[in-house]
Amino acid sequence: MSRTPECCSVHTHSALCDGKGTLAEMAAAAFGAGVRFFGASGHSHTPVPHDAGGVLPEDLTDYRTRLERLREVYRGRMEVLLG
C-alpha cells in the first residue's frame, strides 16, 4: 500500500488536549474514512500562553496507554502512530 495523503491522518488532536473527540472516536472515524495510517499528535505539556488549557498533561502515561490499546484494536488494519 502506498502512503498517499488519502490514506494518512497523522496530526490528530483529541479531547486530551484541544480536540473534541476521544482518541478512540477519532481512530474509528479515520478508519471508517479509509485512513490506514492514523497518528495522534497532542499539544506538548510545555506551558505556552496561547495553549493554556489545551495541552497534554505532564504525565503522558494515559495518552500512551490509550494509543497502545488502539494499536491492538486496529492491528493489521490500520497503523496507529504516537506523536
PDB file of N, CA and C in Angstrom:
ATOM      1  N   MET A   1       0.850  -1.183   0.000  1.00  0.00           N
ATOM      2  CA  MET A   1       0.000   0.000   0.000  1.00  0.00           C
ATOM      3  C   MET A   1       0.887   1.235   0.000  1.00  0.00           C
ATOM      4  N   SER A   2       0.560   2.172  -0.868  1.00  0.00           N
ATOM      5  CA  SER A   2       1.333   3.418  -0.889  1.00  0.00           C
ATOM      6  C   SER A   2       0.823   4.357   0.194  1.00  0.00           C
ATOM      7  N   ARG A   3       1.655   5.273   0.600  1.00  0.00           N
ATOM      8  CA  ARG A   3       1.290   6.231   1.640  1.00  0.00           C
ATOM      9  C   ARG A   3       0.850   7.537   0.988  1.00  0.00           C
ATOM     10  N   THR A   4      -0.306   7.523   0.416  1.00  0.00           N
ATOM     11  CA  THR A   4      -0.847   8.724  -0.207  1.00  0.00           C
ATOM     12  C   THR A   4      -1.566   9.557   0.841  1.00  0.00           C
ATOM     13  N   PRO A   5      -1.742  10.837   0.597  1.00  0.00           N
ATOM     14  CA  PRO A   5      -2.454  11.679   1.569  1.00  0.00           C
ATOM     15  C   PRO A   5      -3.843  11.161   1.892  1.00  0.00           C
ATOM     16  N   GLU A   6      -4.466  10.497   0.939  1.00  0.00           N
ATOM     17  CA  GLU A   6      -5.812   9.982   1.153  1.00  0.00           C
ATOM     18  C   GLU A   6      -5.869   8.874   2.200  1.00  0.00           C
ATOM     19  N   CYS A   7      -4.783   8.192   2.448  1.00  0.00           N
ATOM     20  CA  CYS A   7      -4.826   7.093   3.410  1.00  0.00           C
ATOM     21  C   CYS A   7      -4.096   7.436   4.709  1.00  0.00           C
ATOM     22  N   CYS A   8      -3.692   8.688   4.884  1.00  0.00           N
ATOM     23  CA  CYS A   8      -2.935   9.082   6.072  1.00  0.00           C
ATOM     24  C   CYS A   8      -3.604  10.228   6.827  1.00  0.00           C
ATOM     25  N   SER A   9      -3.634  10.105   8.123  1.00  0.00           N
ATOM     26  CA  SER A   9      -4.073  11.192   9.007  1.00  0.00           C
ATOM     27  C   SER A   9      -3.145  11.139  10.208  1.00  0.00           C
ATOM     28  N   VAL A  10      -2.094  11.933  10.189  1.00  0.00           N
ATOM     29  CA  VAL A  10      -1.048  11.776  11.195  1.00  0.00           C
ATOM     30  C   VAL A  10      -0.898  12.971  12.136  1.00  0.00           C
ATOM     31  N   HIS A  11      -1.849  13.874  12.119  1.00  0.00           N
ATOM     32  CA  HIS A  11      -1.798  15.014  13.039  1.00  0.00           C
ATOM     33  C   HIS A  11      -3.199  15.227  13.602  1.00  0.00           C
ATOM     34  N   THR A  12      -3.595  14.336  14.503  1.00  0.00           N
ATOM     35  CA  THR A  12      -4.950  14.326  15.046  1.00  0.00           C
ATOM     36  C   THR A  12      -4.930  14.709  16.519  1.00  0.00           C
ATOM     37  N   HIS A  13      -5.702  15.707  16.870  1.00  0.00           N
ATOM     38  CA  HIS A  13      -5.827  16.112  18.269  1.00  0.00           C
ATOM     39  C   HIS A  13      -7.087  15.491  18.857  1.00  0.00           C
ATOM     40  N   SER A  14      -7.050  15.173  20.142  1.00  0.00           N
ATOM     41  CA  SER A  14      -8.204  14.574  20.811  1.00  0.00           C
ATOM     42  C   SER A  14      -8.621  15.445  21.996  1.00  0.00           C
ATOM     43  N   ALA A  15      -9.626  14.992  22.696  1.00  0.00           N
ATOM     44  CA  ALA A  15     -10.106  15.697  23.883  1.00  0.00           C
ATOM     45  C   ALA A  15      -9.055  15.729  24.997  1.00  0.00           C
ATOM     46  N   LEU A  16      -7.973  14.976  24.854  1.00  0.00           N
ATOM     47  CA  LEU A  16      -6.903  15.020  25.851  1.00  0.00           C
ATOM     48  C   LEU A  16      -6.133  16.336  25.800  1.00  0.00           C
ATOM     49  N   CYS A  17      -6.250  17.063  24.691  1.00  0.00           N
ATOM     50  CA  CYS A  17      -5.650  18.400  24.631  1.00  0.00           C
ATOM     51  C   CYS A  17      -6.721  19.361  24.132  1.00  0.00           C
ATOM     52  N   ASP A  18      -6.694  19.790  22.889  1.00  0.00           N
ATOM     53  CA  ASP A  18      -7.676  20.782  22.435  1.00  0.00           C
ATOM     54  C   ASP A  18      -8.653  20.256  21.387  1.00  0.00           C
ATOM     55  N   GLY A  19      -8.716  18.945  21.205  1.00  0.00           N
ATOM     56  CA  GLY A  19      -9.656  18.358  20.258  1.00  0.00           C
ATOM     57  C   GLY A  19     -11.008  18.123  20.898  1.00  0.00           C
ATOM     58  N   LYS A  20     -11.943  17.654  20.109  1.00  0.00           N
ATOM     59  CA  LYS A  20     -13.311  17.437  20.600  1.00  0.00           C
ATOM     60  C   LYS A  20     -13.603  15.982  20.949  1.00  0.00           C
ATOM     61  N   GLY A  21     -13.118  15.041  20.145  1.00  0.00           N
ATOM     62  CA  GLY A  21     -13.429  13.639  20.362  1.00  0.00           C
ATOM     63  C   GLY A  21     -12.348  12.895  21.114  1.00  0.00           C
ATOM     64  N   THR A  22     -12.684  11.690  21.586  1.00  0.00           N
ATOM     65  CA  THR A  22     -11.691  10.844  22.245  1.00  0.00           C
ATOM     66  C   THR A  22     -10.772  10.252  21.179  1.00  0.00           C
ATOM     67  N   LEU A  23      -9.659   9.718  21.603  1.00  0.00           N
ATOM     68  CA  LEU A  23      -8.758   9.063  20.653  1.00  0.00           C
ATOM     69  C   LEU A  23      -9.463   7.897  19.962  1.00  0.00           C
ATOM     70  N   ALA A  24     -10.272   7.140  20.708  1.00  0.00           N
ATOM     71  CA  ALA A  24     -10.998   6.012  20.116  1.00  0.00           C
ATOM     72  C   ALA A  24     -11.992   6.501  19.069  1.00  0.00           C
ATOM     73  N   GLU A  25     -12.701   7.590  19.342  1.00  0.00           N
ATOM     74  CA  GLU A  25     -13.646   8.150  18.366  1.00  0.00           C
ATOM     75  C   GLU A  25     -12.923   8.631  17.121  1.00  0.00           C
ATOM     76  N   MET A  26     -11.800   9.303  17.317  1.00  0.00           N
ATOM     77  CA  MET A  26     -11.048   9.821  16.185  1.00  0.00           C
ATOM     78  C   MET A  26     -10.485   8.680  15.337  1.00  0.00           C
ATOM     79  N   ALA A  27      -9.985   7.625  15.993  1.00  0.00           N
ATOM     80  CA  ALA A  27      -9.450   6.479  15.265  1.00  0.00           C
ATOM     81  C   ALA A  27     -10.559   5.774  14.488  1.00  0.00           C
ATOM     82  N   ALA A  28     -11.723   5.605  15.094  1.00  0.00           N
ATOM     83  CA  ALA A  28     -12.848   4.951  14.417  1.00  0.00           C
ATOM     84  C   ALA A  28     -13.286   5.757  13.200  1.00  0.00           C
ATOM     85  N   ALA A  29     -13.362   7.071  13.344  1.00  0.00           N
ATOM     86  CA  ALA A  29     -13.752   7.929  12.216  1.00  0.00           C
ATOM     87  C   ALA A  29     -12.716   7.847  11.103  1.00  0.00           C
ATOM     88  N   ALA A  30     -11.452   7.856  11.468  1.00  0.00           N
ATOM     89  CA  ALA A  30     -10.383   7.766  10.469  1.00  0.00           C
ATOM     90  C   ALA A  30     -10.470   6.428   9.729  1.00  0.00           C
ATOM     91  N   PHE A  31     -10.629   5.351  10.471  1.00  0.00           N
ATOM     92  CA  PHE A  31     -10.707   4.031   9.853  1.00  0.00           C
ATOM     93  C   PHE A  31     -11.917   3.951   8.924  1.00  0.00           C
ATOM     94  N   GLY A  32     -13.042   4.481   9.376  1.00  0.00           N
ATOM     95  CA  GLY A  32     -14.249   4.481   8.564  1.00  0.00           C
ATOM     96  C   GLY A  32     -14.103   5.280   7.278  1.00  0.00           C
ATOM     97  N   ALA A  33     -13.230   6.280   7.310  1.00  0.00           N
ATOM     98  CA  ALA A  33     -12.988   7.117   6.125  1.00  0.00           C
ATOM     99  C   ALA A  33     -11.923   6.526   5.201  1.00  0.00           C
ATOM    100  N   GLY A  34     -11.392   5.353   5.567  1.00  0.00           N
ATOM    101  CA  GLY A  34     -10.398   4.710   4.715  1.00  0.00           C
ATOM    102  C   GLY A  34      -8.958   5.008   5.070  1.00  0.00           C
ATOM    103  N   VAL A  35      -8.740   5.700   6.169  1.00  0.00           N
ATOM    104  CA  VAL A  35      -7.376   6.004   6.603  1.00  0.00           C
ATOM    105  C   VAL A  35      -6.693   4.715   7.047  1.00  0.00           C
ATOM    106  N   ARG A  36      -5.452   4.538   6.660  1.00  0.00           N
ATOM    107  CA  ARG A  36      -4.704   3.342   7.063  1.00  0.00           C
ATOM    108  C   ARG A  36      -3.486   3.679   7.907  1.00  0.00           C
ATOM    109  N   PHE A  37      -3.154   4.952   8.054  1.00  0.00           N
ATOM    110  CA  PHE A  37      -2.070   5.416   8.921  1.00  0.00           C
ATOM    111  C   PHE A  37      -2.631   6.549   9.748  1.00  0.00           C
ATOM    112  N   PHE A  38      -2.927   6.280  11.028  1.00  0.00           N
ATOM    113  CA  PHE A  38      -3.560   7.248  11.922  1.00  0.00           C
ATOM    114  C   PHE A  38      -2.561   7.660  12.997  1.00  0.00           C
ATOM    115  N   GLY A  39      -2.300   8.929  13.113  1.00  0.00           N
ATOM    116  CA  GLY A  39      -1.363   9.411  14.118  1.00  0.00           C
ATOM    117  C   GLY A  39      -2.011  10.416  15.049  1.00  0.00           C
ATOM    118  N   ALA A  40      -1.877  10.202  16.339  1.00  0.00           N
ATOM    119  CA  ALA A  40      -2.350  11.157  17.335  1.00  0.00           C
ATOM    120  C   ALA A  40      -1.196  12.098  17.656  1.00  0.00           C
ATOM    121  N   SER A  41      -1.507  13.367  17.755  1.00  0.00           N
ATOM    122  CA  SER A  41      -0.485  14.377  17.988  1.00  0.00           C
ATOM    123  C   SER A  41      -1.036  15.448  18.922  1.00  0.00           C
ATOM    124  N   GLY A  42      -0.850  15.251  20.205  1.00  0.00           N
ATOM    125  CA  GLY A  42      -1.336  16.228  21.169  1.00  0.00           C
ATOM    126  C   GLY A  42      -0.364  17.374  21.355  1.00  0.00           C
ATOM    127  N   HIS A  43      -0.897  18.490  21.840  1.00  0.00           N
ATOM    128  CA  HIS A  43      -0.023  19.617  22.161  1.00  0.00           C
ATOM    129  C   HIS A  43       0.870  19.249  23.338  1.00  0.00           C
ATOM    130  N   SER A  44       2.102  19.683  23.301  1.00  0.00           N
ATOM    131  CA  SER A  44       3.064  19.430  24.370  1.00  0.00           C
ATOM    132  C   SER A  44       2.557  19.995  25.692  1.00  0.00           C
ATOM    133  N   HIS A  45       2.976  19.379  26.781  1.00  0.00           N
ATOM    134  CA  HIS A  45       2.606  19.886  28.107  1.00  0.00           C
ATOM    135  C   HIS A  45       3.422  21.127  28.493  1.00  0.00           C
ATOM    136  N   THR A  46       4.373  21.490  27.643  1.00  0.00           N
ATOM    137  CA  THR A  46       5.180  22.682  27.918  1.00  0.00           C
ATOM    138  C   THR A  46       4.275  23.913  27.916  1.00  0.00           C
ATOM    139  N   PRO A  47       4.280  24.709  28.959  1.00  0.00           N
ATOM    140  CA  PRO A  47       3.389  25.866  29.016  1.00  0.00           C
ATOM    141  C   PRO A  47       3.668  26.888  27.912  1.00  0.00           C
ATOM    142  N   VAL A  48       2.649  27.176  27.143  1.00  0.00           N
ATOM    143  CA  VAL A  48       2.700  28.197  26.107  1.00  0.00           C
ATOM    144  C   VAL A  48       1.446  29.049  26.313  1.00  0.00           C
ATOM    145  N   PRO A  49       1.578  30.348  26.486  1.00  0.00           N
ATOM    146  CA  PRO A  49       0.419  31.180  26.840  1.00  0.00           C
ATOM    147  C   PRO A  49      -0.826  30.968  25.974  1.00  0.00           C
ATOM    148  N   HIS A  50      -0.683  30.884  24.642  1.00  0.00           N
ATOM    149  CA  HIS A  50      -1.871  30.739  23.800  1.00  0.00           C
ATOM    150  C   HIS A  50      -2.440  29.325  23.801  1.00  0.00           C
ATOM    151  N   ASP A  51      -1.755  28.349  24.411  1.00  0.00           N
ATOM    152  CA  ASP A  51      -2.253  26.983  24.517  1.00  0.00           C
ATOM    153  C   ASP A  51      -2.794  26.664  25.909  1.00  0.00           C
ATOM    154  N   ALA A  52      -2.916  27.632  26.777  1.00  0.00           N
ATOM    155  CA  ALA A  52      -3.362  27.387  28.153  1.00  0.00           C
ATOM    156  C   ALA A  52      -4.670  26.596  28.156  1.00  0.00           C
ATOM    157  N   GLY A  53      -4.680  25.507  28.898  1.00  0.00           N
ATOM    158  CA  GLY A  53      -5.862  24.669  28.997  1.00  0.00           C
ATOM    159  C   GLY A  53      -6.045  23.709  27.841  1.00  0.00           C
ATOM    160  N   GLY A  54      -5.212  23.767  26.819  1.00  0.00           N
ATOM    161  CA  GLY A  54      -5.363  22.908  25.657  1.00  0.00           C
ATOM    162  C   GLY A  54      -4.159  22.046  25.386  1.00  0.00           C
ATOM    163  N   VAL A  55      -3.462  21.638  26.435  1.00  0.00           N
ATOM    164  CA  VAL A  55      -2.245  20.851  26.261  1.00  0.00           C
ATOM    165  C   VAL A  55      -2.371  19.514  26.980  1.00  0.00           C
ATOM    166  N   LEU A  56      -1.526  18.564  26.603  1.00  0.00           N
ATOM    167  CA  LEU A  56      -1.488  17.270  27.268  1.00  0.00           C
ATOM    168  C   LEU A  56      -0.959  17.425  28.690  1.00  0.00           C
ATOM    169  N   PRO A  57      -1.343  16.520  29.597  1.00  0.00           N
ATOM    170  CA  PRO A  57      -0.784  16.565  30.947  1.00  0.00           C
ATOM    171  C   PRO A  57       0.706  16.233  30.919  1.00  0.00           C
ATOM    172  N   GLU A  58       1.402  16.635  31.945  1.00  0.00           N
ATOM    173  CA  GLU A  58       2.839  16.366  32.008  1.00  0.00           C
ATOM    174  C   GLU A  58       3.123  14.864  32.030  1.00  0.00           C
ATOM    175  N   ASP A  59       2.272  14.103  32.732  1.00  0.00           N
ATOM    176  CA  ASP A  59       2.410  12.644  32.770  1.00  0.00           C
ATOM    177  C   ASP A  59       1.649  12.073  31.569  1.00  0.00           C
ATOM    178  N   LEU A  60       2.374  11.559  30.599  1.00  0.00           N
ATOM    179  CA  LEU A  60       1.775  11.082  29.353  1.00  0.00           C
ATOM    180  C   LEU A  60       1.402   9.603  29.376  1.00  0.00           C
ATOM    181  N   THR A  61       1.396   8.989  30.560  1.00  0.00           N
ATOM    182  CA  THR A  61       1.110   7.563  30.678  1.00  0.00           C
ATOM    183  C   THR A  61      -0.260   7.211  30.101  1.00  0.00           C
ATOM    184  N   ASP A  62      -1.287   7.966  30.454  1.00  0.00           N
ATOM    185  CA  ASP A  62      -2.640   7.682  29.975  1.00  0.00           C
ATOM    186  C   ASP A  62      -2.721   7.834  28.460  1.00  0.00           C
ATOM    187  N   TYR A  63      -2.124   8.870  27.934  1.00  0.00           N
ATOM    188  CA  TYR A  63      -2.093   9.125  26.496  1.00  0.00           C
ATOM    189  C   TYR A  63      -1.467   7.937  25.765  1.00  0.00           C
ATOM    190  N   ARG A  64      -0.317   7.505  26.230  1.00  0.00           N
ATOM    191  CA  ARG A  64       0.396   6.383  25.608  1.00  0.00           C
ATOM    192  C   ARG A  64      -0.410   5.085  25.738  1.00  0.00           C
ATOM    193  N   THR A  65      -0.990   4.841  26.899  1.00  0.00           N
ATOM    194  CA  THR A  65      -1.769   3.626  27.125  1.00  0.00           C
ATOM    195  C   THR A  65      -2.964   3.550  26.186  1.00  0.00           C
ATOM    196  N   ARG A  66      -3.662   4.672  26.014  1.00  0.00           N
ATOM    197  CA  ARG A  66      -4.821   4.690  25.115  1.00  0.00           C
ATOM    198  C   ARG A  66      -4.403   4.382  23.676  1.00  0.00           C
ATOM    199  N   LEU A  67      -3.292   4.946  23.250  1.00  0.00           N
ATOM    200  CA  LEU A  67      -2.826   4.685  21.882  1.00  0.00           C
ATOM    201  C   LEU A  67      -2.342   3.252  21.711  1.00  0.00           C
ATOM    202  N   GLU A  68      -1.720   2.699  22.729  1.00  0.00           N
ATOM    203  CA  GLU A  68      -1.281   1.309  22.636  1.00  0.00           C
ATOM    204  C   GLU A  68      -2.487   0.376  22.534  1.00  0.00           C
ATOM    205  N   ARG A  69      -3.583   0.692  23.245  1.00  0.00           N
ATOM    206  CA  ARG A  69      -4.814  -0.100  23.127  1.00  0.00           C
ATOM    207  C   ARG A  69      -5.369  -0.023  21.711  1.00  0.00           C
ATOM    208  N   LEU A  70      -5.359   1.191  21.152  1.00  0.00           N
ATOM    209  CA  LEU A  70      -5.863   1.362  19.786  1.00  0.00           C
ATOM    210  C   LEU A  70      -5.008   0.602  18.780  1.00  0.00           C
ATOM    211  N   ARG A  71      -3.722   0.502  19.026  1.00  0.00           N
ATOM    212  CA  ARG A  71      -2.850  -0.289  18.141  1.00  0.00           C
ATOM    213  C   ARG A  71      -3.330  -1.735  18.097  1.00  0.00           C
ATOM    214  N   GLU A  72      -3.725  -2.250  19.256  1.00  0.00           N
ATOM    215  CA  GLU A  72      -4.221  -3.626  19.318  1.00  0.00           C
ATOM    216  C   GLU A  72      -5.569  -3.756  18.601  1.00  0.00           C
ATOM    217  N   VAL A  73      -6.460  -2.800  18.810  1.00  0.00           N
ATOM    218  CA  VAL A  73      -7.784  -2.836  18.181  1.00  0.00           C
ATOM    219  C   VAL A  73      -7.669  -2.858  16.664  1.00  0.00           C
ATOM    220  N   TYR A  74      -6.756  -2.068  16.119  1.00  0.00           N
ATOM    221  CA  TYR A  74      -6.642  -1.915  14.662  1.00  0.00           C
ATOM    222  C   TYR A  74      -5.483  -2.698  14.052  1.00  0.00           C
ATOM    223  N   ARG A  75      -4.846  -3.544  14.837  1.00  0.00           N
ATOM    224  CA  ARG A  75      -3.678  -4.300  14.350  1.00  0.00           C
ATOM    225  C   ARG A  75      -4.015  -5.018  13.031  1.00  0.00           C
ATOM    226  N   GLY A  76      -3.154  -4.794  12.041  1.00  0.00           N
ATOM    227  CA  GLY A  76      -3.327  -5.420  10.751  1.00  0.00           C
ATOM    228  C   GLY A  76      -4.308  -4.713   9.833  1.00  0.00           C
ATOM    229  N   ARG A  77      -5.001  -3.698  10.351  1.00  0.00           N
ATOM    230  CA  ARG A  77      -5.990  -2.970   9.532  1.00  0.00           C
ATOM    231  C   ARG A  77      -5.667  -1.496   9.391  1.00  0.00           C
ATOM    232  N   MET A  78      -5.073  -0.913  10.441  1.00  0.00           N
ATOM    233  CA  MET A  78      -4.690   0.500  10.408  1.00  0.00           C
ATOM    234  C   MET A  78      -3.507   0.694  11.348  1.00  0.00           C
ATOM    235  N   GLU A  79      -2.477   1.340  10.867  1.00  0.00           N
ATOM    236  CA  GLU A  79      -1.294   1.647  11.686  1.00  0.00           C
ATOM    237  C   GLU A  79      -1.630   2.815  12.599  1.00  0.00           C
ATOM    238  N   VAL A  80      -1.443   2.638  13.910  1.00  0.00           N
ATOM    239  CA  VAL A  80      -1.693   3.722  14.879  1.00  0.00           C
ATOM    240  C   VAL A  80      -0.358   4.243  15.360  1.00  0.00           C
ATOM    241  N   LEU A  81      -0.122   5.539  15.139  1.00  0.00           N
ATOM    242  CA  LEU A  81       1.164   6.163  15.445  1.00  0.00           C
ATOM    243  C   LEU A  81       1.021   7.112  16.632  1.00  0.00           C
ATOM    244  N   LEU A  82       2.049   7.184  17.432  1.00  0.00           N
ATOM    245  CA  LEU A  82       2.063   8.054  18.610  1.00  0.00           C
ATOM    246  C   LEU A  82       2.958   9.254  18.334  1.00  0.00           C
ATOM    247  N   GLY A  83       2.380  10.449  18.453  1.00  0.00           N
ATOM    248  CA  GLY A  83       3.135  11.678  18.228  1.00  0.00           C
ATOM    249  C   GLY A  83       3.169  12.549  19.445  1.00  0.00           C
TER     250      GLY A  83
END
